[in-house]
């Protein structure tokens, strides 16, 4: 069982592809992308993803990736 990180294609196209590409290289997380996640108001303002159903957002893709990596560590500590 792996934690799930979900991204919106529109948010990826705004520059969030850096976080997505970094996560896709990992083998301890599952990455999914969707055409739209119905989070349009936040999608237009910041970089975001859904991590195990919880929204994580940041001002930059690098900051988002850092938050996601911390969430992955915490998830693994709790569930493995």
PDB file of N, CA and C in Angstrom:
ATOM      1  N   UNK A   1       0.845  -1.182   0.000  1.00  0.00           N
ATOM      2  CA  UNK A   1       0.000   0.000   0.000  1.00  0.00           C
ATOM      3  C   UNK A   1       0.885   1.238   0.000  1.00  0.00           C
ATOM      4  N   UNK A   2       0.579   2.164  -0.885  1.00  0.00           N
ATOM      5  CA  UNK A   2       1.343   3.404  -1.008  1.00  0.00           C
ATOM      6  C   UNK A   2       0.427   4.607  -0.834  1.00  0.00           C
ATOM      7  N   UNK A   3       0.965   5.722  -0.322  1.00  0.00           N
ATOM      8  CA  UNK A   3       0.148   6.929  -0.231  1.00  0.00           C
ATOM      9  C   UNK A   3      -0.137   7.478  -1.630  1.00  0.00           C
ATOM     10  N   UNK A   4      -1.304   8.076  -1.776  1.00  0.00           N
ATOM     11  CA  UNK A   4      -1.746   8.608  -3.061  1.00  0.00           C
ATOM     12  C   UNK A   4      -1.629  10.131  -3.076  1.00  0.00           C
ATOM     13  N   UNK A   5      -0.984  10.645  -4.133  1.00  0.00           N
ATOM     14  CA  UNK A   5      -0.875  12.087  -4.358  1.00  0.00           C
ATOM     15  C   UNK A   5      -1.565  12.385  -5.681  1.00  0.00           C
ATOM     16  N   UNK A   6      -2.543  13.292  -5.655  1.00  0.00           N
ATOM     17  CA  UNK A   6      -3.339  13.606  -6.836  1.00  0.00           C
ATOM     18  C   UNK A   6      -3.110  15.059  -7.261  1.00  0.00           C
ATOM     19  N   UNK A   7      -2.980  15.247  -8.578  1.00  0.00           N
ATOM     20  CA  UNK A   7      -2.727  16.572  -9.135  1.00  0.00           C
ATOM     21  C   UNK A   7      -3.750  16.907 -10.208  1.00  0.00           C
ATOM     22  N   UNK A   8      -4.011  18.192 -10.355  1.00  0.00           N
ATOM     23  CA  UNK A   8      -4.890  18.739 -11.391  1.00  0.00           C
ATOM     24  C   UNK A   8      -4.029  19.135 -12.592  1.00  0.00           C
ATOM     25  N   UNK A   9      -4.421  18.719 -13.799  1.00  0.00           N
ATOM     26  CA  UNK A   9      -3.667  19.050 -15.014  1.00  0.00           C
ATOM     27  C   UNK A   9      -3.503  20.563 -15.191  1.00  0.00           C
ATOM     28  N   UNK A  10      -4.518  21.333 -14.866  1.00  0.00           N
ATOM     29  CA  UNK A  10      -4.418  22.789 -15.010  1.00  0.00           C
ATOM     30  C   UNK A  10      -3.329  23.352 -14.101  1.00  0.00           C
ATOM     31  N   UNK A  11      -3.249  22.848 -12.890  1.00  0.00           N
ATOM     32  CA  UNK A  11      -2.233  23.292 -11.945  1.00  0.00           C
ATOM     33  C   UNK A  11      -0.847  22.835 -12.403  1.00  0.00           C
ATOM     34  N   UNK A  12      -0.772  21.653 -12.962  1.00  0.00           N
ATOM     35  CA  UNK A  12       0.499  21.150 -13.497  1.00  0.00           C
ATOM     36  C   UNK A  12       0.976  22.060 -14.617  1.00  0.00           C
ATOM     37  N   UNK A  13       0.070  22.466 -15.494  1.00  0.00           N
ATOM     38  CA  UNK A  13       0.425  23.315 -16.626  1.00  0.00           C
ATOM     39  C   UNK A  13       0.863  24.710 -16.203  1.00  0.00           C
ATOM     40  N   UNK A  14       0.542  25.110 -14.987  1.00  0.00           N
ATOM     41  CA  UNK A  14       0.963  26.408 -14.475  1.00  0.00           C
ATOM     42  C   UNK A  14       2.378  26.352 -13.887  1.00  0.00           C
ATOM     43  N   UNK A  15       2.994  25.187 -13.887  1.00  0.00           N
ATOM     44  CA  UNK A  15       4.358  25.058 -13.394  1.00  0.00           C
ATOM     45  C   UNK A  15       4.549  23.953 -12.377  1.00  0.00           C
ATOM     46  N   UNK A  16       3.481  23.320 -11.977  1.00  0.00           N
ATOM     47  CA  UNK A  16       3.565  22.293 -10.951  1.00  0.00           C
ATOM     48  C   UNK A  16       4.135  20.975 -11.480  1.00  0.00           C
ATOM     49  N   UNK A  17       4.488  20.933 -12.761  1.00  0.00           N
ATOM     50  CA  UNK A  17       5.056  19.722 -13.336  1.00  0.00           C
ATOM     51  C   UNK A  17       6.365  19.328 -12.657  1.00  0.00           C
ATOM     52  N   UNK A  18       7.069  20.304 -12.080  1.00  0.00           N
ATOM     53  CA  UNK A  18       8.330  20.007 -11.396  1.00  0.00           C
ATOM     54  C   UNK A  18       8.103  19.081 -10.204  1.00  0.00           C
ATOM     55  N   UNK A  19       7.079  19.343  -9.435  1.00  0.00           N
ATOM     56  CA  UNK A  19       6.757  18.492  -8.282  1.00  0.00           C
ATOM     57  C   UNK A  19       6.278  17.123  -8.749  1.00  0.00           C
ATOM     58  N   UNK A  20       5.448  17.104  -9.773  1.00  0.00           N
ATOM     59  CA  UNK A  20       4.917  15.846 -10.292  1.00  0.00           C
ATOM     60  C   UNK A  20       6.054  14.962 -10.804  1.00  0.00           C
ATOM     61  N   UNK A  21       6.936  15.539 -11.591  1.00  0.00           N
ATOM     62  CA  UNK A  21       8.045  14.768 -12.157  1.00  0.00           C
ATOM     63  C   UNK A  21       8.944  14.203 -11.069  1.00  0.00           C
ATOM     64  N   UNK A  22       9.210  14.969 -10.041  1.00  0.00           N
ATOM     65  CA  UNK A  22      10.044  14.487  -8.940  1.00  0.00           C
ATOM     66  C   UNK A  22       9.382  13.321  -8.212  1.00  0.00           C
ATOM     67  N   UNK A  23       8.085  13.417  -7.995  1.00  0.00           N
ATOM     68  CA  UNK A  23       7.369  12.351  -7.288  1.00  0.00           C
ATOM     69  C   UNK A  23       7.239  11.088  -8.127  1.00  0.00           C
ATOM     70  N   UNK A  24       7.111  11.241  -9.433  1.00  0.00           N
ATOM     71  CA  UNK A  24       6.979  10.076 -10.303  1.00  0.00           C
ATOM     72  C   UNK A  24       8.242   9.210 -10.303  1.00  0.00           C
ATOM     73  N   UNK A  25       9.362   9.781  -9.908  1.00  0.00           N
ATOM     74  CA  UNK A  25      10.613   9.025  -9.833  1.00  0.00           C
ATOM     75  C   UNK A  25      10.710   8.176  -8.574  1.00  0.00           C
ATOM     76  N   UNK A  26       9.853   8.445  -7.613  1.00  0.00           N
ATOM     77  CA  UNK A  26       9.878   7.724  -6.341  1.00  0.00           C
ATOM     78  C   UNK A  26       9.079   6.431  -6.443  1.00  0.00           C
ATOM     79  N   UNK A  27       9.489   5.437  -5.667  1.00  0.00           N
ATOM     80  CA  UNK A  27       8.751   4.183  -5.654  1.00  0.00           C
ATOM     81  C   UNK A  27       7.944   3.987  -4.374  1.00  0.00           C
ATOM     82  N   UNK A  28       7.894   5.027  -3.533  1.00  0.00           N
ATOM     83  CA  UNK A  28       7.158   4.919  -2.266  1.00  0.00           C
ATOM     84  C   UNK A  28       5.889   5.759  -2.238  1.00  0.00           C
ATOM     85  N   UNK A  29       5.403   6.153  -3.424  1.00  0.00           N
ATOM     86  CA  UNK A  29       4.204   6.975  -3.522  1.00  0.00           C
ATOM     87  C   UNK A  29       3.539   6.715  -4.876  1.00  0.00           C
ATOM     88  N   UNK A  30       2.213   6.804  -4.905  1.00  0.00           N
ATOM     89  CA  UNK A  30       1.465   6.676  -6.155  1.00  0.00           C
ATOM     90  C   UNK A  30       1.005   8.068  -6.588  1.00  0.00           C
ATOM     91  N   UNK A  31       1.240   8.413  -7.843  1.00  0.00           N
ATOM     92  CA  UNK A  31       0.885   9.729  -8.373  1.00  0.00           C
ATOM     93  C   UNK A  31      -0.204   9.569  -9.424  1.00  0.00           C
ATOM     94  N   UNK A  32      -1.263  10.354  -9.278  1.00  0.00           N
ATOM     95  CA  UNK A  32      -2.362  10.366 -10.245  1.00  0.00           C
ATOM     96  C   UNK A  32      -2.589  11.810 -10.698  1.00  0.00           C
ATOM     97  N   UNK A  33      -2.949  11.979 -11.962  1.00  0.00           N
ATOM     98  CA  UNK A  33      -3.308  13.298 -12.462  1.00  0.00           C
ATOM     99  C   UNK A  33      -4.706  13.235 -13.055  1.00  0.00           C
ATOM    100  N   UNK A  34      -5.426  14.341 -12.922  1.00  0.00           N
ATOM    101  CA  UNK A  34      -6.801  14.444 -13.419  1.00  0.00           C
ATOM    102  C   UNK A  34      -6.945  15.725 -14.231  1.00  0.00           C
ATOM    103  N   UNK A  35      -7.836  15.721 -15.199  1.00  0.00           N
ATOM    104  CA  UNK A  35      -8.086  16.907 -16.004  1.00  0.00           C
ATOM    105  C   UNK A  35      -8.557  18.073 -15.157  1.00  0.00           C
ATOM    106  N   UNK A  36      -9.395  17.797 -14.175  1.00  0.00           N
ATOM    107  CA  UNK A  36      -9.886  18.823 -13.256  1.00  0.00           C
ATOM    108  C   UNK A  36     -10.266  18.151 -11.947  1.00  0.00           C
ATOM    109  N   UNK A  37      -9.936  18.805 -10.863  1.00  0.00           N
ATOM    110  CA  UNK A  37     -10.266  18.271  -9.543  1.00  0.00           C
ATOM    111  C   UNK A  37     -11.316  19.128  -8.839  1.00  0.00           C
ATOM    112  N   UNK A  38     -11.945  20.044  -9.563  1.00  0.00           N
ATOM    113  CA  UNK A  38     -12.988  20.927  -9.026  1.00  0.00           C
ATOM    114  C   UNK A  38     -12.491  21.747  -7.841  1.00  0.00           C
ATOM    115  N   UNK A  39     -11.240  22.182  -7.925  1.00  0.00           N
ATOM    116  CA  UNK A  39     -10.628  23.057  -6.923  1.00  0.00           C
ATOM    117  C   UNK A  39     -10.176  24.353  -7.611  1.00  0.00           C
ATOM    118  N   UNK A  40     -11.005  24.852  -8.518  1.00  0.00           N
ATOM    119  CA  UNK A  40     -10.623  25.946  -9.413  1.00  0.00           C
ATOM    120  C   UNK A  40     -10.153  27.212  -8.696  1.00  0.00           C
ATOM    121  N   UNK A  41     -10.791  27.562  -7.593  1.00  0.00           N
ATOM    122  CA  UNK A  41     -10.403  28.799  -6.911  1.00  0.00           C
ATOM    123  C   UNK A  41      -8.993  28.697  -6.347  1.00  0.00           C
ATOM    124  N   UNK A  42      -8.624  27.577  -5.779  1.00  0.00           N
ATOM    125  CA  UNK A  42      -7.265  27.425  -5.251  1.00  0.00           C
ATOM    126  C   UNK A  42      -6.278  27.135  -6.380  1.00  0.00           C
ATOM    127  N   UNK A  43      -6.716  26.418  -7.386  1.00  0.00           N
ATOM    128  CA  UNK A  43      -5.860  26.042  -8.511  1.00  0.00           C
ATOM    129  C   UNK A  43      -5.300  27.280  -9.210  1.00  0.00           C
ATOM    130  N   UNK A  44      -6.091  28.319  -9.306  1.00  0.00           N
ATOM    131  CA  UNK A  44      -5.673  29.550  -9.978  1.00  0.00           C
ATOM    132  C   UNK A  44      -4.736  30.394  -9.118  1.00  0.00           C
ATOM    133  N   UNK A  45      -4.652  30.100  -7.822  1.00  0.00           N
ATOM    134  CA  UNK A  45      -3.889  30.961  -6.910  1.00  0.00           C
ATOM    135  C   UNK A  45      -2.562  30.378  -6.458  1.00  0.00           C
ATOM    136  N   UNK A  46      -2.508  29.071  -6.204  1.00  0.00           N
ATOM    137  CA  UNK A  46      -1.303  28.446  -5.655  1.00  0.00           C
ATOM    138  C   UNK A  46      -1.092  27.073  -6.281  1.00  0.00           C
ATOM    139  N   UNK A  47       0.047  26.494  -5.996  1.00  0.00           N
ATOM    140  CA  UNK A  47       0.319  25.122  -6.406  1.00  0.00           C
ATOM    141  C   UNK A  47      -0.248  24.209  -5.330  1.00  0.00           C
ATOM    142  N   UNK A  48      -0.927  23.133  -5.757  1.00  0.00           N
ATOM    143  CA  UNK A  48      -1.555  22.272  -4.762  1.00  0.00           C
ATOM    144  C   UNK A  48      -1.626  20.836  -5.251  1.00  0.00           C
ATOM    145  N   UNK A  49      -1.915  19.961  -4.315  1.00  0.00           N
ATOM    146  CA  UNK A  49      -2.215  18.561  -4.610  1.00  0.00           C
ATOM    147  C   UNK A  49      -3.126  18.057  -3.508  1.00  0.00           C
ATOM    148  N   UNK A  50      -3.631  16.870  -3.708  1.00  0.00           N
ATOM    149  CA  UNK A  50      -4.367  16.176  -2.663  1.00  0.00           C
ATOM    150  C   UNK A  50      -3.493  15.005  -2.243  1.00  0.00           C
ATOM    151  N   UNK A  51      -3.169  14.953  -0.960  1.00  0.00           N
ATOM    152  CA  UNK A  51      -2.373  13.868  -0.418  1.00  0.00           C
ATOM    153  C   UNK A  51      -3.270  13.046   0.487  1.00  0.00           C
ATOM    154  N   UNK A  52      -3.583  11.836   0.054  1.00  0.00           N
ATOM    155  CA  UNK A  52      -4.477  10.976   0.826  1.00  0.00           C
ATOM    156  C   UNK A  52      -5.767  11.713   1.212  1.00  0.00           C
ATOM    157  N   UNK A  53      -6.302  12.486   0.258  1.00  0.00           N
ATOM    158  CA  UNK A  53      -7.560  13.192   0.463  1.00  0.00           C
ATOM    159  C   UNK A  53      -7.457  14.539   1.155  1.00  0.00           C
ATOM    160  N   UNK A  54      -6.253  14.921   1.590  1.00  0.00           N
ATOM    161  CA  UNK A  54      -6.038  16.204   2.263  1.00  0.00           C
ATOM    162  C   UNK A  54      -5.316  17.158   1.313  1.00  0.00           C
ATOM    163  N   UNK A  55      -5.806  18.381   1.217  1.00  0.00           N
ATOM    164  CA  UNK A  55      -5.182  19.354   0.336  1.00  0.00           C
ATOM    165  C   UNK A  55      -3.888  19.878   0.954  1.00  0.00           C
ATOM    166  N   UNK A  56      -2.854  19.924   0.123  1.00  0.00           N
ATOM    167  CA  UNK A  56      -1.580  20.551   0.486  1.00  0.00           C
ATOM    168  C   UNK A  56      -1.335  21.627  -0.556  1.00  0.00           C
ATOM    169  N   UNK A  57      -0.953  22.832  -0.123  1.00  0.00           N
ATOM    170  CA  UNK A  57      -0.696  23.908  -1.079  1.00  0.00           C
ATOM    171  C   UNK A  57       0.552  24.678  -0.673  1.00  0.00           C
ATOM    172  N   UNK A  58       1.131  25.379  -1.656  1.00  0.00           N
ATOM    173  CA  UNK A  58       2.332  26.182  -1.419  1.00  0.00           C
ATOM    174  C   UNK A  58       2.459  27.216  -2.534  1.00  0.00           C
ATOM    175  N   UNK A  59       3.300  28.199  -2.292  1.00  0.00           N
ATOM    176  CA  UNK A  59       3.487  29.289  -3.255  1.00  0.00           C
ATOM    177  C   UNK A  59       4.348  28.881  -4.443  1.00  0.00           C
ATOM    178  N   UNK A  60       5.203  27.865  -4.274  1.00  0.00           N
ATOM    179  CA  UNK A  60       6.077  27.416  -5.358  1.00  0.00           C
ATOM    180  C   UNK A  60       6.032  25.884  -5.459  1.00  0.00           C
ATOM    181  N   UNK A  61       6.359  25.354  -6.636  1.00  0.00           N
ATOM    182  CA  UNK A  61       6.419  23.896  -6.761  1.00  0.00           C
ATOM    183  C   UNK A  61       7.451  23.282  -5.811  1.00  0.00           C
ATOM    184  N   UNK A  62       8.583  23.941  -5.618  1.00  0.00           N
ATOM    185  CA  UNK A  62       9.615  23.421  -4.714  1.00  0.00           C
ATOM    186  C   UNK A  62       9.105  23.348  -3.280  1.00  0.00           C
ATOM    187  N   UNK A  63       8.386  24.370  -2.846  1.00  0.00           N
ATOM    188  CA  UNK A  63       7.830  24.379  -1.494  1.00  0.00           C
ATOM    189  C   UNK A  63       6.752  23.310  -1.356  1.00  0.00           C
ATOM    190  N   UNK A  64       5.960  23.117  -2.406  1.00  0.00           N
ATOM    191  CA  UNK A  64       4.937  22.070  -2.379  1.00  0.00           C
ATOM    192  C   UNK A  64       5.596  20.699  -2.291  1.00  0.00           C
ATOM    193  N   UNK A  65       6.632  20.479  -3.080  1.00  0.00           N
ATOM    194  CA  UNK A  65       7.324  19.204  -3.056  1.00  0.00           C
ATOM    195  C   UNK A  65       7.885  18.915  -1.665  1.00  0.00           C
ATOM    196  N   UNK A  66       8.432  19.926  -1.027  1.00  0.00           N
ATOM    197  CA  UNK A  66       8.952  19.759   0.334  1.00  0.00           C
ATOM    198  C   UNK A  66       7.845  19.334   1.300  1.00  0.00           C
ATOM    199  N   UNK A  67       6.679  19.967   1.199  1.00  0.00           N
ATOM    200  CA  UNK A  67       5.550  19.603   2.064  1.00  0.00           C
ATOM    201  C   UNK A  67       5.066  18.183   1.773  1.00  0.00           C
ATOM    202  N   UNK A  68       5.036  17.819   0.504  1.00  0.00           N
ATOM    203  CA  UNK A  68       4.594  16.471   0.136  1.00  0.00           C
ATOM    204  C   UNK A  68       5.578  15.435   0.665  1.00  0.00           C
ATOM    205  N   UNK A  69       6.874  15.711   0.513  1.00  0.00           N
ATOM    206  CA  UNK A  69       7.880  14.769   1.008  1.00  0.00           C
ATOM    207  C   UNK A  69       7.767  14.572   2.512  1.00  0.00           C
ATOM    208  N   UNK A  70       7.471  15.632   3.235  1.00  0.00           N
ATOM    209  CA  UNK A  70       7.271  15.508   4.684  1.00  0.00           C
ATOM    210  C   UNK A  70       6.020  14.680   4.982  1.00  0.00           C
ATOM    211  N   UNK A  71       4.963  14.886   4.211  1.00  0.00           N
ATOM    212  CA  UNK A  71       3.738  14.112   4.400  1.00  0.00           C
ATOM    213  C   UNK A  71       3.983  12.629   4.113  1.00  0.00           C
ATOM    214  N   UNK A  72       4.815  12.334   3.121  1.00  0.00           N
ATOM    215  CA  UNK A  72       5.148  10.942   2.804  1.00  0.00           C
ATOM    216  C   UNK A  72       5.884  10.298   3.975  1.00  0.00           C
ATOM    217  N   UNK A  73       6.850  11.007   4.533  1.00  0.00           N
ATOM    218  CA  UNK A  73       7.594  10.493   5.685  1.00  0.00           C
ATOM    219  C   UNK A  73       6.642  10.199   6.836  1.00  0.00           C
ATOM    220  N   UNK A  74       5.759  11.144   7.132  1.00  0.00           N
ATOM    221  CA  UNK A  74       4.802  10.965   8.231  1.00  0.00           C
ATOM    222  C   UNK A  74       3.848   9.806   7.948  1.00  0.00           C
ATOM    223  N   UNK A  75       3.396   9.680   6.696  1.00  0.00           N
ATOM    224  CA  UNK A  75       2.491   8.595   6.336  1.00  0.00           C
ATOM    225  C   UNK A  75       3.165   7.247   6.545  1.00  0.00           C
ATOM    226  N   UNK A  76       4.398   7.126   6.069  1.00  0.00           N
ATOM    227  CA  UNK A  76       5.125   5.858   6.216  1.00  0.00           C
ATOM    228  C   UNK A  76       5.373   5.529   7.694  1.00  0.00           C
ATOM    229  N   UNK A  77       5.656   6.539   8.491  1.00  0.00           N
ATOM    230  CA  UNK A  77       5.879   6.304   9.932  1.00  0.00           C
ATOM    231  C   UNK A  77       4.608   5.796  10.610  1.00  0.00           C
ATOM    232  N   UNK A  78       3.472   6.270  10.136  1.00  0.00           N
ATOM    233  CA  UNK A  78       2.201   5.886  10.752  1.00  0.00           C
ATOM    234  C   UNK A  78       1.673   4.541  10.247  1.00  0.00           C
ATOM    235  N   UNK A  79       1.832   4.277   8.957  1.00  0.00           N
ATOM    236  CA  UNK A  79       1.173   3.109   8.368  1.00  0.00           C
ATOM    237  C   UNK A  79       2.082   1.933   8.053  1.00  0.00           C
ATOM    238  N   UNK A  80       3.379   2.105   8.141  1.00  0.00           N
ATOM    239  CA  UNK A  80       4.265   0.968   7.846  1.00  0.00           C
ATOM    240  C   UNK A  80       5.057   0.539   9.043  1.00  0.00           C
TER     241      UNK A  80
END
